[in-house]
N, C-alpha and C. Protein backbone atom coordinates (compact mmCIF):
# COMPACT_ATOMS: atom_id res chain seq x y z
N UNK A 1 1.02 -1.38 0.13
CA UNK A 1 0.04 -0.12 -0.03
C UNK A 1 0.92 1.20 0.00
N UNK A 2 0.81 2.18 -0.97
CA UNK A 2 1.42 3.22 -1.09
C UNK A 2 1.01 4.46 0.29
N UNK A 3 1.82 5.13 0.54
CA UNK A 3 1.51 6.21 1.65
C UNK A 3 0.45 6.84 1.18
N UNK A 4 -0.49 7.22 2.25
CA UNK A 4 -1.64 7.95 1.71
C UNK A 4 -1.50 9.38 1.65
N UNK A 5 -0.20 10.13 1.57
CA UNK A 5 0.09 11.45 1.38
C UNK A 5 1.81 11.23 1.38
N UNK A 6 2.07 12.35 0.41
CA UNK A 6 3.30 12.29 -0.08
C UNK A 6 4.15 13.25 1.01
N UNK A 7 5.17 13.26 1.31
CA UNK A 7 5.95 14.28 2.22
C UNK A 7 5.83 15.69 1.31
N UNK A 8 6.11 16.02 -0.12
CA UNK A 8 5.71 17.35 -0.67
C UNK A 8 4.38 17.88 -0.41
N UNK A 9 3.51 17.09 -0.44
CA UNK A 9 2.17 17.23 0.07
C UNK A 9 1.91 17.92 1.15
N UNK A 10 2.45 16.97 2.25
CA UNK A 10 2.42 17.28 3.71
C UNK A 10 2.92 18.65 3.89
N UNK A 11 4.08 19.03 2.85
CA UNK A 11 4.57 20.26 3.26
C UNK A 11 3.65 21.78 2.58
N UNK A 12 3.05 21.13 1.47
CA UNK A 12 2.04 21.98 0.89
C UNK A 12 0.97 22.50 1.87
N UNK A 13 0.28 21.58 2.35
CA UNK A 13 -0.23 21.56 3.38
C UNK A 13 -0.43 22.72 4.63
N UNK A 14 0.92 22.41 5.02
CA UNK A 14 1.54 23.00 6.32
C UNK A 14 1.64 24.49 5.86
N UNK A 15 2.30 25.08 4.64
CA UNK A 15 2.57 25.67 4.45
C UNK A 15 1.69 27.05 3.80
N UNK A 16 1.33 26.07 2.81
CA UNK A 16 -0.09 26.94 1.94
C UNK A 16 -1.31 26.60 2.34
N UNK A 17 -1.92 25.56 2.85
CA UNK A 17 -3.29 25.53 3.20
C UNK A 17 -3.46 26.14 4.75
N UNK A 18 -2.60 26.10 5.54
CA UNK A 18 -2.96 26.61 6.75
C UNK A 18 -2.75 28.05 7.14
N UNK A 19 -1.71 28.50 6.20
CA UNK A 19 -1.22 29.82 6.46
C UNK A 19 -2.51 30.82 6.48
N UNK A 20 -3.13 30.78 5.51
CA UNK A 20 -3.87 31.93 4.87
C UNK A 20 -5.00 31.98 5.87
N UNK A 21 -5.50 30.95 6.21
CA UNK A 21 -6.80 30.73 7.16
C UNK A 21 -6.30 31.22 8.70
N UNK A 22 -5.12 30.48 8.85
CA UNK A 22 -4.96 31.38 10.42
C UNK A 22 -4.41 32.74 10.55
N UNK A 23 -4.08 33.47 9.43
CA UNK A 23 -3.90 34.87 9.51
C UNK A 23 -5.29 35.51 9.27
N UNK A 24 -6.59 34.95 8.66
CA UNK A 24 -7.82 35.43 8.90
C UNK A 24 -8.34 35.30 9.73
N UNK A 25 -8.21 34.11 10.79
CA UNK A 25 -8.50 34.04 11.91
C UNK A 25 -7.96 34.97 13.14
N UNK A 26 -6.60 35.51 12.48
CA UNK A 26 -6.01 36.58 13.52
C UNK A 26 -6.68 37.74 13.23
N UNK A 27 -7.56 38.03 12.13
CA UNK A 27 -8.21 39.55 12.07
C UNK A 27 -9.65 39.30 12.78
N UNK A 28 -10.24 38.34 13.14
CA UNK A 28 -11.52 38.29 13.75
C UNK A 28 -11.44 39.24 15.06
N UNK A 29 -12.80 39.78 14.99
CA UNK A 29 -12.95 40.73 16.15
C UNK A 29 -13.16 39.71 17.38
N UNK A 30 -13.11 40.57 18.56
CA UNK A 30 -12.79 39.78 19.43
C UNK A 30 -14.44 39.40 20.05
N UNK A 31 -14.34 38.82 21.11
CA UNK A 31 -16.12 38.33 21.78
C UNK A 31 -16.46 39.38 22.68
N UNK A 32 -17.31 39.89 22.34
CA UNK A 32 -18.20 40.86 23.23
C UNK A 32 -17.76 40.66 24.66
N UNK A 33 -17.47 41.63 25.28
CA UNK A 33 -17.01 41.75 26.92
C UNK A 33 -16.11 41.06 27.15
N UNK A 34 -15.33 40.66 25.91
CA UNK A 34 -13.88 39.93 26.61
C UNK A 34 -12.89 40.53 27.56
N UNK A 35 -12.98 41.96 27.69
CA UNK A 35 -12.02 42.85 28.37
C UNK A 35 -12.76 42.79 29.71
N UNK A 36 -14.04 42.27 29.71
CA UNK A 36 -14.60 42.54 31.17
C UNK A 36 -14.40 41.41 32.26
N UNK A 37 -14.00 40.26 31.40
CA UNK A 37 -13.84 39.19 32.05
C UNK A 37 -12.36 39.01 32.73
N UNK A 38 -12.48 38.37 33.76
CA UNK A 38 -11.01 38.48 34.84
C UNK A 38 -9.92 37.38 34.00
N UNK A 39 -8.92 37.77 34.17
CA UNK A 39 -7.82 37.04 33.42
C UNK A 39 -7.87 35.56 34.41
N UNK A 40 -7.28 34.67 33.48
CA UNK A 40 -6.91 33.38 33.94
C UNK A 40 -6.09 33.24 34.84
N UNK A 41 -6.19 32.36 35.87
CA UNK A 41 -5.16 32.35 36.94
C UNK A 41 -3.54 31.95 36.27
N UNK A 42 -2.87 32.51 37.15
CA UNK A 42 -1.85 32.38 36.59
C UNK A 42 -1.09 30.63 36.84
N UNK A 43 -1.69 30.07 37.45
CA UNK A 43 -1.35 28.67 37.47
C UNK A 43 -2.14 27.80 36.73
N UNK A 44 -3.12 28.40 35.88
CA UNK A 44 -3.68 27.98 34.96
C UNK A 44 -3.14 27.51 33.57
N UNK A 45 -2.96 26.61 33.13
CA UNK A 45 -2.26 26.17 31.60
C UNK A 45 -2.81 27.06 30.57
N UNK A 46 -2.30 27.49 29.38
CA UNK A 46 -2.66 28.18 28.47
C UNK A 46 -3.70 27.29 27.79
N UNK A 47 -3.53 25.77 27.30
CA UNK A 47 -4.49 24.95 26.98
C UNK A 47 -4.73 24.20 28.17
N UNK A 48 -5.88 24.01 28.13
CA UNK A 48 -6.21 23.18 29.61
C UNK A 48 -6.60 21.68 28.81
N UNK A 49 -7.11 20.85 29.64
CA UNK A 49 -7.30 19.25 29.60
C UNK A 49 -8.40 19.43 28.53
N UNK A 50 -9.41 20.19 28.60
CA UNK A 50 -10.50 20.24 27.54
C UNK A 50 -9.74 20.48 26.33
N UNK A 51 -8.88 21.32 26.11
CA UNK A 51 -8.49 22.01 24.76
C UNK A 51 -8.00 21.11 24.15
N UNK A 52 -6.83 20.22 24.75
CA UNK A 52 -6.32 18.87 24.50
C UNK A 52 -7.23 18.00 24.34
N UNK A 53 -8.34 17.54 24.63
CA UNK A 53 -9.04 16.54 24.38
C UNK A 53 -9.59 16.92 22.94
N UNK A 54 -10.05 18.42 22.89
CA UNK A 54 -11.10 18.77 21.56
C UNK A 54 -9.79 18.58 20.47
N UNK A 55 -8.81 18.88 20.47
CA UNK A 55 -7.90 18.86 19.10
C UNK A 55 -7.62 17.52 19.16
N UNK A 56 -7.61 16.44 19.97
CA UNK A 56 -7.48 14.97 19.88
C UNK A 56 -8.76 14.87 19.12
N UNK A 57 -9.73 15.12 19.71
CA UNK A 57 -11.13 14.72 18.87
C UNK A 57 -11.00 15.09 17.46
N UNK A 58 -10.75 16.37 17.18
CA UNK A 58 -10.87 16.65 15.72
C UNK A 58 -9.88 16.20 14.93
N UNK A 59 -8.78 16.13 15.64
CA UNK A 59 -7.35 15.46 14.81
C UNK A 59 -7.57 14.07 14.43
N UNK A 60 -8.23 12.97 15.34
CA UNK A 60 -8.53 11.78 15.06
C UNK A 60 -9.85 11.82 13.89
N UNK A 61 -10.65 12.76 14.05
CA UNK A 61 -11.85 12.99 12.87
C UNK A 61 -11.44 13.03 11.64
N UNK A 62 -10.55 14.33 11.36
CA UNK A 62 -9.90 14.55 10.26
C UNK A 62 -8.82 13.33 9.82
N UNK A 63 -8.20 12.89 10.78
CA UNK A 63 -7.25 11.52 10.15
C UNK A 63 -8.26 10.22 9.76
N UNK A 64 -9.21 9.72 10.63
CA UNK A 64 -10.01 9.18 10.05
C UNK A 64 -10.78 9.28 8.62
N UNK A 65 -11.03 10.81 8.39
CA UNK A 65 -12.15 11.30 7.19
C UNK A 65 -10.89 11.09 5.96
N UNK A 66 -9.34 11.11 6.18
CA UNK A 66 -8.84 11.17 5.35
C UNK A 66 -8.62 9.54 4.84
N UNK A 67 -8.29 9.01 6.30
CA UNK A 67 -8.26 7.32 5.47
C UNK A 67 -9.19 6.74 4.84
N UNK A 68 -10.41 7.26 5.51
CA UNK A 68 -11.78 6.43 4.79
C UNK A 68 -12.07 6.91 3.59
N UNK A 69 -11.33 8.41 2.98
CA UNK A 69 -11.46 8.77 2.00
C UNK A 69 -10.53 7.93 0.80
N UNK A 70 -9.70 7.70 1.24
CA UNK A 70 -8.67 6.85 0.51
C UNK A 70 -9.35 5.54 0.21
N UNK A 71 -9.65 4.76 1.52
CA UNK A 71 -10.55 3.41 1.31
C UNK A 71 -11.71 3.33 0.19
N UNK A 72 -12.41 4.87 0.43
CA UNK A 72 -13.44 4.89 -0.46
C UNK A 72 -13.20 5.13 -2.16
N UNK A 73 -12.15 5.62 -1.94
CA UNK A 73 -11.88 6.18 -3.62
C UNK A 73 -11.24 5.15 -4.56
N UNK A 74 -11.45 5.34 -5.83
CA UNK A 74 -11.09 4.44 -6.83
C UNK A 74 -10.02 5.17 -7.73
N UNK A 75 -8.93 4.09 -8.75
CA UNK A 75 -8.41 4.52 -9.28
C UNK A 75 -7.20 3.84 -8.91
N UNK A 76 -5.98 4.48 -9.55
CA UNK A 76 -4.80 4.11 -9.74
C UNK A 76 -4.17 4.77 -8.28
N UNK A 77 -3.42 3.99 -7.67
CA UNK A 77 -2.70 4.78 -6.63
C UNK A 77 -2.46 6.15 -6.48
N UNK A 78 -1.95 6.74 -7.39
CA UNK A 78 -1.74 8.12 -7.58
C UNK A 78 -3.19 8.90 -7.40
N UNK A 79 -3.92 8.37 -8.05
CA UNK A 79 -5.36 8.84 -7.86
C UNK A 79 -5.99 9.04 -6.29
N UNK A 80 -5.91 8.00 -5.78
CA UNK A 80 -6.18 7.70 -4.43
C UNK A 80 -5.40 8.22 -3.37
N UNK A 81 -4.12 8.68 -3.81
CA UNK A 81 -3.04 9.45 -2.70
C UNK A 81 -3.60 10.92 -3.04
N UNK A 82 -4.19 11.48 -4.51
CA UNK A 82 -4.84 12.28 -4.57
C UNK A 82 -5.96 12.77 -3.98
N UNK A 83 -6.62 11.99 -3.76
CA UNK A 83 -8.18 11.92 -3.13
C UNK A 83 -7.75 12.06 -1.50
N UNK A 84 -6.98 11.55 -0.97
CA UNK A 84 -6.65 11.76 0.42
C UNK A 84 -5.75 13.06 0.76
N UNK A 85 -5.00 13.63 -0.19
CA UNK A 85 -4.61 14.68 -0.16
C UNK A 85 -5.69 15.89 -0.06
N UNK A 86 -6.33 15.72 -1.09
CA UNK A 86 -7.77 16.88 -0.97
C UNK A 86 -8.58 16.99 0.14
N UNK A 87 -8.59 15.59 0.20
CA UNK A 87 -9.82 15.38 1.68
C UNK A 87 -9.26 16.08 2.69
N UNK A 88 -7.98 15.55 3.20
CA UNK A 88 -7.33 16.36 4.59
C UNK A 88 -7.21 17.86 4.13
N UNK A 89 -6.98 18.53 3.05
CA UNK A 89 -6.79 19.51 2.47
C UNK A 89 -8.22 20.40 3.23
N UNK A 90 -9.01 19.89 2.28
CA UNK A 90 -10.48 20.57 2.73
C UNK A 90 -11.04 20.34 4.28
N UNK A 91 -10.84 19.00 4.72
CA UNK A 91 -11.17 18.94 5.99
C UNK A 91 -10.68 20.12 6.79
N UNK A 92 -9.21 20.39 6.42
CA UNK A 92 -8.37 21.70 7.24
C UNK A 92 -9.03 22.86 7.15
N UNK A 93 -9.75 22.98 5.76
CA UNK A 93 -10.01 24.30 5.64
C UNK A 93 -11.34 24.34 6.07
N UNK A 94 -12.15 23.31 6.08
CA UNK A 94 -13.62 23.73 6.53
C UNK A 94 -13.38 23.64 8.19
N UNK A 95 -12.55 23.32 8.83
CA UNK A 95 -12.16 23.19 10.45
C UNK A 95 -12.12 24.69 11.04
N UNK A 96 -11.88 25.63 9.88
CA UNK A 96 -11.83 26.97 10.37
C UNK A 96 -13.06 27.40 11.31
N UNK A 97 -14.28 26.64 10.57
CA UNK A 97 -15.50 27.49 11.21
C UNK A 97 -15.90 26.48 12.39
N UNK A 98 -14.86 25.66 13.11
CA UNK A 98 -14.96 24.94 14.28
C UNK A 98 -14.60 26.07 15.58
N UNK A 99 -13.91 26.92 14.99
CA UNK A 99 -13.00 27.74 15.89
C UNK A 99 -13.79 29.09 15.99
N UNK A 100 -15.28 28.92 16.17
CA UNK A 100 -16.11 30.00 16.70
C UNK A 100 -16.27 29.77 18.14
N UNK A 101 -16.40 30.97 18.47
CA UNK A 101 -16.68 31.31 20.14
C UNK A 101 -17.74 30.25 20.21
N UNK A 102 -17.46 29.70 21.86
CA UNK A 102 -18.34 29.05 22.06
C UNK A 102 -19.85 29.75 22.77
N UNK A 103 -20.82 29.33 22.23
CA UNK A 103 -22.09 29.98 22.76
C UNK A 103 -22.51 30.91 21.53
N UNK A 104 -21.64 30.96 20.45
CA UNK A 104 -22.07 31.68 19.18
C UNK A 104 -22.93 30.89 18.29
N UNK A 105 -23.70 31.57 17.37
CA UNK A 105 -24.50 30.89 16.36
C UNK A 105 -23.57 29.96 15.23
N UNK A 106 -24.69 29.27 14.91
CA UNK A 106 -23.44 28.14 13.86
C UNK A 106 -23.31 29.07 12.50
N UNK A 107 -24.44 29.70 12.09
CA UNK A 107 -24.48 30.35 10.64
C UNK A 107 -24.11 32.14 11.05
N UNK A 108 -24.56 32.46 11.87
CA UNK A 108 -24.07 33.78 12.05
C UNK A 108 -23.04 33.83 13.33
N UNK A 109 -21.51 34.12 12.88
CA UNK A 109 -20.69 34.41 14.06
C UNK A 109 -19.27 34.77 13.54
N UNK A 110 -18.94 35.07 14.80
CA UNK A 110 -17.30 35.87 14.19
C UNK A 110 -16.49 35.40 13.08
N UNK A 111 -16.57 34.15 12.88
CA UNK A 111 -15.87 33.48 11.49
C UNK A 111 -16.59 33.62 10.64
N UNK A 112 -17.77 33.49 10.15
CA UNK A 112 -18.78 33.46 9.12
C UNK A 112 -18.72 35.02 8.74
N UNK A 113 -18.42 36.05 9.30
CA UNK A 113 -18.96 37.32 9.25
C UNK A 113 -17.47 38.12 8.98
N UNK A 114 -16.38 37.03 9.10
CA UNK A 114 -15.18 37.80 9.03
C UNK A 114 -14.91 37.64 7.09
N UNK A 115 -14.81 38.57 6.53
CA UNK A 115 -14.15 38.52 4.87
C UNK A 115 -12.94 38.18 4.69
N UNK A 116 -12.02 38.12 5.92
CA UNK A 116 -10.89 37.52 5.38
C UNK A 116 -10.75 35.91 5.71
N UNK A 117 -11.59 35.48 6.22
CA UNK A 117 -11.74 34.04 6.45
C UNK A 117 -12.43 33.67 5.05
N UNK A 118 -13.24 34.49 4.39
CA UNK A 118 -13.64 33.73 3.14
C UNK A 118 -12.93 33.90 1.96
N UNK A 119 -12.04 34.88 1.96
CA UNK A 119 -10.86 35.33 1.21
C UNK A 119 -9.78 34.30 1.03
N UNK A 120 -9.74 33.96 2.53
CA UNK A 120 -8.37 33.05 2.59
C UNK A 120 -8.94 31.58 2.41
N UNK A 121 -10.36 31.14 2.48
CA UNK A 121 -10.69 30.08 1.93
C UNK A 121 -10.79 29.83 0.24
N UNK A 122 -11.17 30.94 -0.54
CA UNK A 122 -11.26 31.16 -1.55
C UNK A 122 -9.60 30.97 -2.15
N UNK A 123 -8.94 31.81 -1.84
CA UNK A 123 -7.23 31.30 -2.36
C UNK A 123 -6.67 30.21 -1.87
N UNK A 124 -7.08 29.71 -0.83
CA UNK A 124 -6.50 28.54 -0.69
C UNK A 124 -7.47 27.23 -1.51
N UNK A 125 -8.30 27.28 -1.68
CA UNK A 125 -9.13 26.57 -2.47
C UNK A 125 -8.92 26.87 -4.12
N UNK A 126 -8.31 27.67 -4.38
CA UNK A 126 -7.72 28.26 -5.59
C UNK A 126 -5.98 27.49 -5.87
N UNK A 127 -5.55 27.56 -4.76
CA UNK A 127 -4.08 26.99 -4.84
C UNK A 127 -4.32 25.41 -4.96
N UNK A 128 -5.24 24.71 -4.01
CA UNK A 128 -5.51 23.41 -4.20
C UNK A 128 -5.73 22.99 -5.60
N UNK A 129 -6.82 23.93 -6.26
CA UNK A 129 -7.26 23.49 -7.93
C UNK A 129 -5.94 23.68 -8.60
N UNK A 130 -4.97 24.61 -8.29
CA UNK A 130 -3.81 24.37 -9.18
C UNK A 130 -2.95 23.46 -8.84
N UNK A 131 -2.66 22.78 -7.54
CA UNK A 131 -2.04 21.59 -7.11
C UNK A 131 -2.42 20.30 -7.92
N UNK A 132 -4.00 20.82 -8.57
CA UNK A 132 -4.27 19.33 -8.95
C UNK A 132 -4.54 19.53 -10.88
N UNK A 133 -4.61 20.76 -11.00
CA UNK A 133 -4.74 21.16 -12.43
C UNK A 133 -3.69 21.62 -13.46
N UNK A 134 -2.99 22.22 -12.69
CA UNK A 134 -1.89 23.01 -13.32
C UNK A 134 -0.35 21.93 -13.38
N UNK A 135 -0.47 21.76 -14.85
CA UNK A 135 0.91 20.32 -15.13
C UNK A 135 2.20 20.17 -14.25
N UNK A 136 2.72 21.44 -13.90
CA UNK A 136 4.13 21.55 -13.19
C UNK A 136 3.99 21.21 -11.91
N UNK A 137 2.83 21.99 -11.56
CA UNK A 137 2.50 22.12 -10.16
C UNK A 137 1.85 20.59 -9.48
N UNK A 138 1.31 19.87 -10.32
CA UNK A 138 0.77 18.60 -10.10
C UNK A 138 1.74 17.85 -10.13
N UNK A 139 2.25 17.91 -11.16
CA UNK A 139 3.85 16.90 -11.20
C UNK A 139 4.55 16.93 -10.11
N UNK A 140 4.75 18.13 -9.51
CA UNK A 140 5.92 18.29 -8.47
C UNK A 140 4.82 17.79 -7.30
N UNK A 141 3.85 17.98 -6.82
CA UNK A 141 3.33 17.01 -5.84
C UNK A 141 2.56 15.55 -6.08
N UNK A 142 2.84 15.33 -7.35
CA UNK A 142 2.30 14.17 -7.69
C UNK A 142 1.08 13.78 -7.35
N UNK A 143 0.20 14.52 -7.74
CA UNK A 143 -1.39 14.52 -7.79
C UNK A 143 -2.05 14.32 -9.08
N UNK A 144 -3.14 13.97 -9.10
CA UNK A 144 -3.44 13.54 -10.67
C UNK A 144 -5.11 14.00 -10.79
N UNK A 145 -5.73 14.86 -11.52
CA UNK A 145 -7.25 15.12 -11.38
C UNK A 145 -8.25 14.03 -10.67
N UNK A 146 -8.91 14.42 -9.88
CA UNK A 146 -9.98 13.19 -9.53
C UNK A 146 -11.24 13.58 -10.48
N UNK A 147 -11.84 12.06 -10.53
CA UNK A 147 -13.01 12.06 -11.48
C UNK A 147 -14.20 12.38 -10.73
N UNK A 148 -15.32 12.57 -11.20
CA UNK A 148 -16.80 12.57 -10.42
C UNK A 148 -16.84 12.23 -9.02
N UNK A 149 -16.43 10.82 -9.45
CA UNK A 149 -17.05 9.85 -8.21
C UNK A 149 -16.03 10.24 -7.08
N UNK A 150 -14.87 10.32 -7.31
CA UNK A 150 -13.70 10.51 -6.26
C UNK A 150 -14.10 11.83 -5.67
N UNK A 151 -14.50 13.05 -6.69
CA UNK A 151 -14.95 14.48 -6.10
C UNK A 151 -16.07 14.21 -5.12
N UNK A 152 -16.97 13.54 -5.20
CA UNK A 152 -18.24 13.20 -4.15
C UNK A 152 -17.25 12.65 -2.99
N UNK A 153 -16.45 11.57 -3.09
CA UNK A 153 -15.79 11.18 -1.79
C UNK A 153 -15.02 12.38 -1.25
N UNK A 154 -14.64 13.15 -1.57
CA UNK A 154 -13.83 14.13 -1.53
C UNK A 154 -14.57 15.04 -0.39
N UNK A 155 -15.63 15.69 -1.28
CA UNK A 155 -16.55 16.36 -0.56
C UNK A 155 -17.40 15.80 0.66
N UNK A 156 -17.82 14.94 0.50
CA UNK A 156 -18.52 13.90 2.03
C UNK A 156 -17.51 13.64 2.60
N UNK A 157 -16.09 13.38 2.90
CA UNK A 157 -15.59 12.77 3.57
C UNK A 157 -14.74 14.22 4.05
N UNK A 158 -14.55 15.01 3.59
CA UNK A 158 -13.88 16.32 4.19
C UNK A 158 -15.01 16.63 4.93
N UNK A 159 -16.12 17.07 4.83
CA UNK A 159 -17.07 17.44 5.51
C UNK A 159 -17.47 16.68 6.91
N UNK A 160 -17.09 15.38 7.08
CA UNK A 160 -17.46 14.51 7.88
C UNK A 160 -17.01 15.48 9.33
N UNK A 161 -15.81 15.75 9.53
CA UNK A 161 -15.08 16.38 10.68
C UNK A 161 -16.13 17.51 10.93
N UNK A 162 -16.30 18.46 10.13
CA UNK A 162 -17.07 19.55 10.47
C UNK A 162 -18.61 19.24 11.12
N UNK A 163 -18.95 18.58 10.58
CA UNK A 163 -20.63 18.13 10.75
C UNK A 163 -20.70 17.57 12.21
N UNK A 164 -19.69 16.19 12.68
CA UNK A 164 -19.55 15.73 13.64
C UNK A 164 -19.16 16.76 14.74
N UNK A 165 -18.03 17.79 14.20
CA UNK A 165 -17.85 18.75 15.30
C UNK A 165 -18.80 19.34 15.66
N UNK A 166 -19.44 19.91 14.78
CA UNK A 166 -20.69 20.80 15.47
C UNK A 166 -21.91 19.81 15.73
N UNK A 167 -22.06 18.85 15.75
CA UNK A 167 -22.89 17.99 16.64
C UNK A 167 -22.83 17.57 17.76
N UNK A 168 -21.23 17.30 17.73
CA UNK A 168 -20.84 17.24 19.21
C UNK A 168 -20.77 18.34 19.79
N UNK A 169 -20.38 19.80 19.20
CA UNK A 169 -20.66 21.07 20.21
C UNK A 169 -21.98 21.23 20.61
N UNK A 170 -23.10 20.74 19.53
CA UNK A 170 -24.66 21.21 20.15
C UNK A 170 -24.84 20.39 21.45
N UNK A 171 -24.53 19.14 21.25
CA UNK A 171 -24.86 17.75 22.47
C UNK A 171 -24.28 18.35 23.63
N UNK A 172 -23.06 19.01 23.68
CA UNK A 172 -22.32 19.68 25.01
C UNK A 172 -22.82 20.78 25.36
N UNK A 173 -23.62 21.77 24.12
CA UNK A 173 -24.25 22.78 24.60
C UNK A 173 -25.78 22.60 25.46
N UNK A 174 -26.29 21.42 25.03
CA UNK A 174 -27.29 21.03 25.74
C UNK A 174 -27.27 20.41 27.34
N UNK A 175 -25.92 19.85 27.23
CA UNK A 175 -25.70 19.29 28.55
C UNK A 175 -25.00 20.28 29.92
């Protein structure tokens, strides 16, 4: 079985796919009343146990979706690796929507109202399309354009972590 992702693809995801959404998130307006909250205790870690649990949960969801997409895809090894690459890339892009403030609305929140986030998603998507459809770029990354069936796998599997994460958040909010 070939590697589900090639090293240069991982570098591309880390450098290109993560940078623009991260900058856009940095441009989000702060929560209402953030300056009215008392500071956290100096003994409290920056990342709490809950934060680590959430990161692990989302990481496992994204990893499972990526491996699942590879398993569900069809075609040559190169085509299947491309499906896992694009699934991981889009799952990471959709993950930006889980960064909303706890208690904020699902549709209208500081993330969805940030035009920089939308710009970053468009730019990252264009770069992803170039990584598959532009000859030299695709050759360097070892990608191959997916067929329609594989695009369905990419779309569905890349959305699984977002949907599961939002459902988990809704259940946690009700309890």
